[in-house]
Amino acid sequence: MALLIALLTFLIVTIVFAGFWLFFGTTTNQELVRNRLEAVRKAEKGGDVSLDLDLVRDELLSSVPALNRIMMRLAWSKRLQDLITQAGIETKPGTLLLVSGVTGLGSYVIVEMIKRQFSLSFLAAVVGAIIPLTVVSIQRSRRLGRFEQRFPEALDLLGRAVRAGHSFTAGLEMVSKESPEPVASEFRLTFEEQNFGLPLRDALENMASRVPLVDVRFFITALLIQKDTGGNLAELLDELARVIRERFRIHREVRVKTAQGRLTAMILIALPIGMLLLMRAANPSYVRVLFDDPLGPKILAGAAALQVIGSAIIWKIVHIEV
């Protein structure tokens, strides 16, 4: 019992430290100052300068050289990097993988010491490894949702700036200073990229890759067409903001009309788990065979997998994209 308590304490501390490392980064102010001073010394000697600026893309996928070399050969590493960037988390994909490995291994060890059943331990390890990725995905969805809601206001501000006689790049700077996050940071990075010499088309394409939303793609496509063909940019921005707001209105109407279907989906998803817990509380001997018989954990694992697949299908049906 003492060994189990010690192991649980170690795992909890490790997971908390890993989560702090994941979401708050690992680079201290002293390291930033040291890197910048090293870059200045290299510049004085005529060597290559490698300033740690936001405009300089960090191509390292992990601070561990061996893990970085392995991830550079994997195709999904780029998608993982995009997921972290879109979530607004300042960390490397290798760090996220290490956190997932720690949570997965910890879950496996805990369940194995309690139940000593490989199927349940393996399932716990999979769930534990998926938890950090799920947290990053949820944060990405929330960040993109906030951006999508505040994007029309940014377009209105940009349109007023252009109508007042400012250039488009000056309008980008105004949006980056006066808009709330995460709109401000994305427009600020776009402004800085083109201000430091990157063509406007490339800066806008980089923004589209960082914010993979249909509204942003419409915005960039309209700007590029207007740049080639000409036209009233302020009127174009105002009309685009109106279309986005109208889409939000239709989306809210759809959510109201599908509320009953979504409630039914939640009930169907929770019903098997709820019935299992209810029967275990009312008549433990009736469901004890699922936990005591060697075949029981395998049945439970198969049922859990089918439950996940069915829940995904039901949730996909009741969620209508607008």
Protein backbone atom coordinates (compact mmCIF):
# COMPACT_ATOMS: atom_id res chain seq x y z
CA MET A 1 0.00 0.00 0.00
CA ALA A 2 2.84 2.38 0.84
CA LEU A 3 4.46 1.61 -2.53
CA LEU A 4 1.21 2.41 -4.34
CA ILE A 5 0.84 5.73 -2.49
CA ALA A 6 4.43 6.67 -3.30
CA LEU A 7 3.94 5.76 -6.95
CA LEU A 8 0.72 7.76 -7.18
CA THR A 9 2.41 10.78 -5.60
CA PHE A 10 5.29 10.54 -8.05
CA LEU A 11 2.96 10.27 -11.03
CA ILE A 12 0.78 13.19 -9.90
CA VAL A 13 3.81 15.43 -9.41
CA THR A 14 5.23 14.34 -12.77
CA ILE A 15 1.96 15.00 -14.61
CA VAL A 16 1.53 18.42 -12.97
CA PHE A 17 5.10 19.37 -13.85
CA ALA A 18 4.64 18.10 -17.41
CA GLY A 19 1.40 20.08 -17.78
CA PHE A 20 3.10 23.24 -16.50
CA TRP A 21 5.97 22.63 -18.93
CA LEU A 22 3.53 22.04 -21.77
CA PHE A 23 1.40 25.15 -21.35
CA PHE A 24 3.89 27.66 -19.96
CA GLY A 25 6.99 26.70 -21.93
CA THR A 26 10.50 25.87 -20.86
CA THR A 27 12.49 28.93 -21.94
CA THR A 28 13.34 31.28 -19.07
CA ASN A 29 14.08 34.99 -19.35
CA GLN A 30 17.74 34.32 -18.64
CA GLU A 31 17.91 31.95 -21.58
CA LEU A 32 16.27 34.52 -23.87
CA VAL A 33 18.76 37.19 -22.82
CA ARG A 34 21.66 34.79 -23.25
CA ASN A 35 20.48 33.81 -26.76
CA ARG A 36 20.12 37.42 -27.83
CA LEU A 37 23.57 38.37 -26.50
CA GLU A 38 25.04 35.38 -28.32
CA ALA A 39 23.37 36.54 -31.52
CA VAL A 40 24.82 40.05 -31.09
CA ARG A 41 28.33 38.62 -30.59
CA LYS A 42 27.97 36.53 -33.75
CA ALA A 43 26.83 39.58 -35.69
CA GLU A 44 29.87 41.56 -34.53
CA LYS A 45 32.16 38.74 -35.73
CA GLY A 46 30.38 38.51 -39.07
CA GLY A 47 28.89 35.09 -38.38
CA ASP A 48 25.38 33.78 -38.90
CA VAL A 49 22.82 35.44 -36.67
CA SER A 50 20.06 33.33 -35.15
CA LEU A 51 17.85 35.66 -33.11
CA ASP A 52 15.08 33.97 -31.17
CA LEU A 53 12.34 36.25 -32.54
CA ASP A 54 8.72 35.38 -33.15
CA LEU A 55 9.27 36.05 -36.86
CA VAL A 56 11.96 33.37 -37.03
CA ARG A 57 10.28 30.01 -37.25
CA ASP A 58 11.63 27.43 -34.87
CA GLU A 59 11.98 24.29 -36.96
CA LEU A 60 12.99 22.11 -34.01
CA LEU A 61 10.27 19.62 -33.17
CA SER A 62 11.89 18.65 -29.87
CA SER A 63 14.63 19.90 -27.59
CA VAL A 64 15.93 16.33 -27.42
CA PRO A 65 18.18 15.87 -30.49
CA ALA A 66 17.43 12.17 -30.95
CA LEU A 67 13.67 12.67 -30.73
CA ASN A 68 13.89 15.67 -33.05
CA ARG A 69 15.68 13.60 -35.72
CA ILE A 70 13.05 10.88 -35.48
CA MET A 71 10.13 13.31 -35.70
CA MET A 72 11.66 15.12 -38.67
CA ARG A 73 11.26 11.89 -40.66
CA LEU A 74 7.58 11.43 -39.73
CA ALA A 75 4.85 12.95 -41.89
CA TRP A 76 2.40 13.56 -39.03
CA SER A 77 4.87 15.72 -37.10
CA LYS A 78 3.92 18.72 -39.25
CA ARG A 79 0.23 18.20 -38.48
CA LEU A 80 1.03 17.99 -34.77
CA GLN A 81 3.03 21.21 -35.03
CA ASP A 82 0.10 22.93 -36.77
CA LEU A 83 -2.26 21.68 -34.03
CA ILE A 84 -0.08 23.21 -31.31
CA THR A 85 0.35 26.48 -33.22
CA GLN A 86 -3.39 26.83 -33.83
CA ALA A 87 -4.03 26.16 -30.14
CA GLY A 88 -1.79 29.10 -29.23
CA ILE A 89 0.51 26.97 -27.05
CA GLU A 90 4.20 27.82 -27.00
CA THR A 91 5.72 24.38 -26.85
CA LYS A 92 7.26 21.81 -29.15
CA PRO A 93 5.59 18.66 -30.51
CA GLY A 94 8.24 16.55 -28.80
CA THR A 95 7.24 17.97 -25.43
CA LEU A 96 3.61 17.10 -26.10
CA LEU A 97 4.57 13.56 -27.03
CA LEU A 98 6.67 13.18 -23.88
CA VAL A 99 3.75 14.39 -21.75
CA SER A 100 1.46 11.92 -23.51
CA GLY A 101 3.95 9.15 -22.86
CA VAL A 102 4.19 10.01 -19.17
CA THR A 103 0.40 10.10 -18.69
CA GLY A 104 -0.06 6.88 -20.68
CA LEU A 105 2.65 5.00 -18.81
CA GLY A 106 1.40 6.29 -15.46
CA SER A 107 -2.15 5.21 -16.21
CA TYR A 108 -0.94 1.77 -17.25
CA VAL A 109 1.14 1.27 -14.09
CA ILE A 110 -1.66 2.42 -11.77
CA VAL A 111 -4.33 0.17 -13.31
CA GLU A 112 -1.92 -2.75 -13.55
CA MET A 113 -1.08 -2.50 -9.85
CA ILE A 114 -4.76 -2.24 -8.88
CA LYS A 115 -6.45 -4.76 -11.22
CA ARG A 116 -3.55 -6.72 -12.78
CA GLN A 117 -5.45 -7.15 -16.06
CA PHE A 118 -3.57 -6.35 -19.24
CA SER A 119 -6.63 -5.36 -21.29
CA LEU A 120 -7.80 -2.78 -18.76
CA SER A 121 -4.25 -1.54 -18.23
CA PHE A 122 -3.71 -1.17 -21.97
CA LEU A 123 -7.02 0.69 -22.32
CA ALA A 124 -6.05 2.99 -19.45
CA ALA A 125 -2.69 3.64 -21.11
CA VAL A 126 -4.37 4.59 -24.38
CA VAL A 127 -6.80 6.91 -22.62
CA GLY A 128 -4.00 8.47 -20.56
CA ALA A 129 -1.88 9.08 -23.66
CA ILE A 130 -4.80 10.69 -25.50
CA ILE A 131 -5.65 13.12 -22.68
CA PRO A 132 -2.88 15.73 -23.46
CA LEU A 133 -3.74 15.64 -27.17
CA THR A 134 -7.41 16.07 -26.32
CA VAL A 135 -6.64 19.07 -24.11
CA VAL A 136 -4.66 20.71 -26.93
CA SER A 137 -7.48 19.98 -29.41
CA ILE A 138 -10.07 21.52 -27.09
CA GLN A 139 -7.91 24.60 -26.60
CA ARG A 140 -7.46 24.86 -30.38
CA SER A 141 -11.22 24.68 -30.95
CA ARG A 142 -11.88 27.33 -28.31
CA ARG A 143 -9.22 29.64 -29.68
CA LEU A 144 -10.49 29.33 -33.24
CA GLY A 145 -14.03 29.85 -31.97
CA ARG A 146 -13.03 33.09 -30.23
CA PHE A 147 -11.23 34.22 -33.37
CA GLU A 148 -14.26 33.47 -35.52
CA GLN A 149 -16.59 35.44 -33.25
CA ARG A 150 -14.34 38.51 -33.12
CA PHE A 151 -13.26 38.42 -36.76
CA PRO A 152 -16.18 40.55 -38.10
CA GLU A 153 -15.29 43.33 -35.65
CA ALA A 154 -11.71 43.25 -36.93
CA LEU A 155 -12.98 43.53 -40.50
CA ASP A 156 -15.14 46.53 -39.53
CA LEU A 157 -12.14 48.21 -37.92
CA LEU A 158 -9.99 47.48 -40.95
CA GLY A 159 -12.68 48.83 -43.26
CA ARG A 160 -13.00 52.06 -41.24
CA ALA A 161 -9.23 52.50 -41.30
CA VAL A 162 -9.13 52.13 -45.09
CA ARG A 163 -12.11 54.46 -45.49
CA ALA A 164 -10.33 57.06 -43.33
CA GLY A 165 -7.41 57.11 -45.75
CA HIS A 166 -4.96 54.73 -44.12
CA SER A 167 -3.15 52.11 -46.15
CA PHE A 168 -4.07 48.45 -45.83
CA THR A 169 -0.87 47.65 -43.92
CA ALA A 170 -1.53 50.53 -41.52
CA GLY A 171 -5.02 49.10 -41.04
CA LEU A 172 -3.48 45.74 -40.15
CA GLU A 173 -1.38 47.46 -37.49
CA MET A 174 -4.45 49.21 -36.07
CA VAL A 175 -6.32 45.90 -35.84
CA SER A 176 -3.35 44.27 -34.10
CA LYS A 177 -3.32 47.04 -31.48
CA GLU A 178 -7.03 47.57 -30.85
CA SER A 179 -8.60 44.13 -31.31
CA PRO A 180 -8.89 41.51 -28.54
CA GLU A 181 -7.02 38.23 -28.53
CA PRO A 182 -6.55 35.99 -30.44
CA VAL A 183 -7.36 38.29 -33.38
CA ALA A 184 -4.74 40.84 -32.34
CA SER A 185 -1.85 38.36 -32.23
CA GLU A 186 -2.63 36.87 -35.64
CA PHE A 187 -2.97 40.27 -37.35
CA ARG A 188 0.15 41.49 -35.53
CA LEU A 189 2.18 38.58 -36.85
CA THR A 190 0.82 39.14 -40.37
CA PHE A 191 1.70 42.83 -40.19
CA GLU A 192 5.20 42.13 -38.88
CA GLU A 193 5.87 39.52 -41.56
CA GLN A 194 5.03 41.84 -44.44
CA ASN A 195 6.65 44.80 -42.67
CA PHE A 196 9.96 42.92 -42.53
CA GLY A 197 9.94 42.14 -46.24
CA LEU A 198 7.66 39.15 -46.78
CA PRO A 199 5.25 39.70 -49.70
CA LEU A 200 1.71 40.47 -48.62
CA ARG A 201 0.38 37.42 -50.46
CA ASP A 202 2.73 35.11 -48.54
CA ALA A 203 1.96 36.80 -45.22
CA LEU A 204 -1.77 36.31 -45.82
CA GLU A 205 -1.24 32.68 -46.82
CA ASN A 206 0.68 32.12 -43.58
CA MET A 207 -2.25 33.60 -41.69
CA ALA A 208 -4.61 31.19 -43.46
CA SER A 209 -2.45 28.24 -42.40
CA ARG A 210 -2.35 29.41 -38.78
CA VAL A 211 -6.12 30.08 -38.69
CA PRO A 212 -7.80 27.37 -40.83
CA LEU A 213 -11.26 28.97 -40.94
CA VAL A 214 -13.52 29.41 -43.95
CA ASP A 215 -14.08 33.08 -43.11
CA VAL A 216 -10.35 33.78 -43.08
CA ARG A 217 -9.96 32.01 -46.43
CA PHE A 218 -12.79 34.16 -47.86
CA PHE A 219 -11.08 37.27 -46.48
CA ILE A 220 -7.71 36.43 -48.00
CA THR A 221 -9.16 35.36 -51.35
CA ALA A 222 -11.18 38.59 -51.59
CA LEU A 223 -8.10 40.68 -50.75
CA LEU A 224 -5.94 38.97 -53.35
CA ILE A 225 -8.61 39.35 -56.03
CA GLN A 226 -9.10 43.01 -55.12
CA LYS A 227 -5.37 43.57 -55.27
CA ASP A 228 -5.21 42.17 -58.82
CA THR A 229 -8.42 43.65 -60.22
CA GLY A 230 -8.98 46.76 -58.09
CA GLY A 231 -12.18 47.98 -56.49
CA ASN A 232 -13.49 49.55 -53.29
CA LEU A 233 -11.61 47.77 -50.51
CA ALA A 234 -13.61 49.36 -47.67
CA GLU A 235 -16.91 48.29 -49.23
CA LEU A 236 -15.53 44.80 -49.78
CA LEU A 237 -14.54 44.47 -46.12
CA ASP A 238 -17.91 45.74 -44.92
CA GLU A 239 -19.78 43.27 -47.12
CA LEU A 240 -17.57 40.41 -45.97
CA ALA A 241 -18.24 41.29 -42.32
CA ARG A 242 -21.98 41.36 -43.04
CA VAL A 243 -21.85 37.92 -44.69
CA ILE A 244 -19.96 36.44 -41.72
CA ARG A 245 -22.48 37.87 -39.25
CA GLU A 246 -25.34 36.50 -41.34
CA ARG A 247 -23.72 33.07 -41.27
CA PHE A 248 -23.51 33.28 -37.47
CA ARG A 249 -27.22 34.11 -37.34
CA ILE A 250 -28.07 31.07 -39.47
CA HIS A 251 -25.78 28.91 -37.34
CA ARG A 252 -27.61 29.97 -34.17
CA GLU A 253 -30.96 29.17 -35.78
CA VAL A 254 -29.70 25.73 -36.76
CA ARG A 255 -28.52 25.08 -33.20
CA VAL A 256 -31.95 26.01 -31.86
CA LYS A 257 -33.76 23.72 -34.32
CA THR A 258 -31.39 20.78 -33.63
CA ALA A 259 -31.42 21.15 -29.83
CA GLN A 260 -33.77 18.19 -29.41
CA GLY A 261 -31.58 15.98 -31.60
CA ARG A 262 -28.45 16.92 -29.66
CA LEU A 263 -30.19 16.19 -26.36
CA THR A 264 -31.25 12.79 -27.70
CA ALA A 265 -27.67 12.11 -28.78
CA MET A 266 -26.32 12.93 -25.32
CA ILE A 267 -28.88 10.62 -23.70
CA LEU A 268 -28.04 7.76 -26.08
CA ILE A 269 -24.31 8.23 -25.48
CA ALA A 270 -24.65 8.31 -21.68
CA LEU A 271 -27.26 5.53 -21.45
CA PRO A 272 -24.93 2.44 -21.63
CA ILE A 273 -22.48 3.85 -19.08
CA GLY A 274 -25.29 4.98 -16.80
CA MET A 275 -27.05 1.61 -16.95
CA LEU A 276 -23.82 -0.22 -16.14
CA LEU A 277 -23.19 1.97 -13.09
CA LEU A 278 -26.83 1.67 -11.99
CA MET A 279 -26.86 -2.13 -12.24
CA ARG A 280 -23.52 -2.35 -10.44
CA ALA A 281 -24.95 -0.27 -7.58
CA ALA A 282 -28.33 -2.07 -7.45
CA ASN A 283 -27.17 -5.66 -8.01
CA PRO A 284 -23.38 -6.03 -7.95
CA SER A 285 -23.46 -9.79 -8.48
CA TYR A 286 -25.31 -9.33 -11.78
CA VAL A 287 -22.45 -7.43 -13.45
CA ARG A 288 -19.55 -8.82 -11.40
CA VAL A 289 -18.89 -11.41 -14.09
CA LEU A 290 -17.76 -8.63 -16.43
CA PHE A 291 -14.95 -7.79 -14.01
CA ASP A 292 -14.10 -11.20 -12.48
CA ASP A 293 -14.29 -13.47 -15.53
CA PRO A 294 -11.16 -13.41 -17.75
CA LEU A 295 -13.34 -12.72 -20.78
CA GLY A 296 -15.14 -9.83 -19.08
CA PRO A 297 -12.47 -7.11 -19.51
CA LYS A 298 -12.17 -7.97 -23.21
CA ILE A 299 -15.93 -7.58 -23.61
CA LEU A 300 -15.81 -4.27 -21.78
CA ALA A 301 -12.95 -3.07 -23.99
CA GLY A 302 -14.87 -4.03 -27.13
CA ALA A 303 -18.01 -2.36 -25.83
CA ALA A 304 -16.05 0.81 -25.04
CA ALA A 305 -14.59 0.88 -28.55
CA LEU A 306 -18.02 0.41 -30.12
CA GLN A 307 -19.42 3.07 -27.79
CA VAL A 308 -16.79 5.56 -28.96
CA ILE A 309 -17.48 4.78 -32.63
CA GLY A 310 -21.25 5.03 -32.17
CA SER A 311 -20.95 8.28 -30.22
CA ALA A 312 -18.81 9.81 -32.96
CA ILE A 313 -21.35 8.82 -35.63
CA ILE A 314 -24.32 10.15 -33.63
CA TRP A 315 -22.52 13.39 -32.82
CA LYS A 316 -21.62 13.85 -36.47
CA ILE A 317 -25.28 13.42 -37.49
CA VAL A 318 -26.68 16.00 -35.05
CA HIS A 319 -24.00 18.61 -35.76
CA ILE A 320 -24.75 20.48 -38.99
CA GLU A 321 -22.07 22.68 -40.49
CA VAL A 322 -23.18 26.10 -41.73
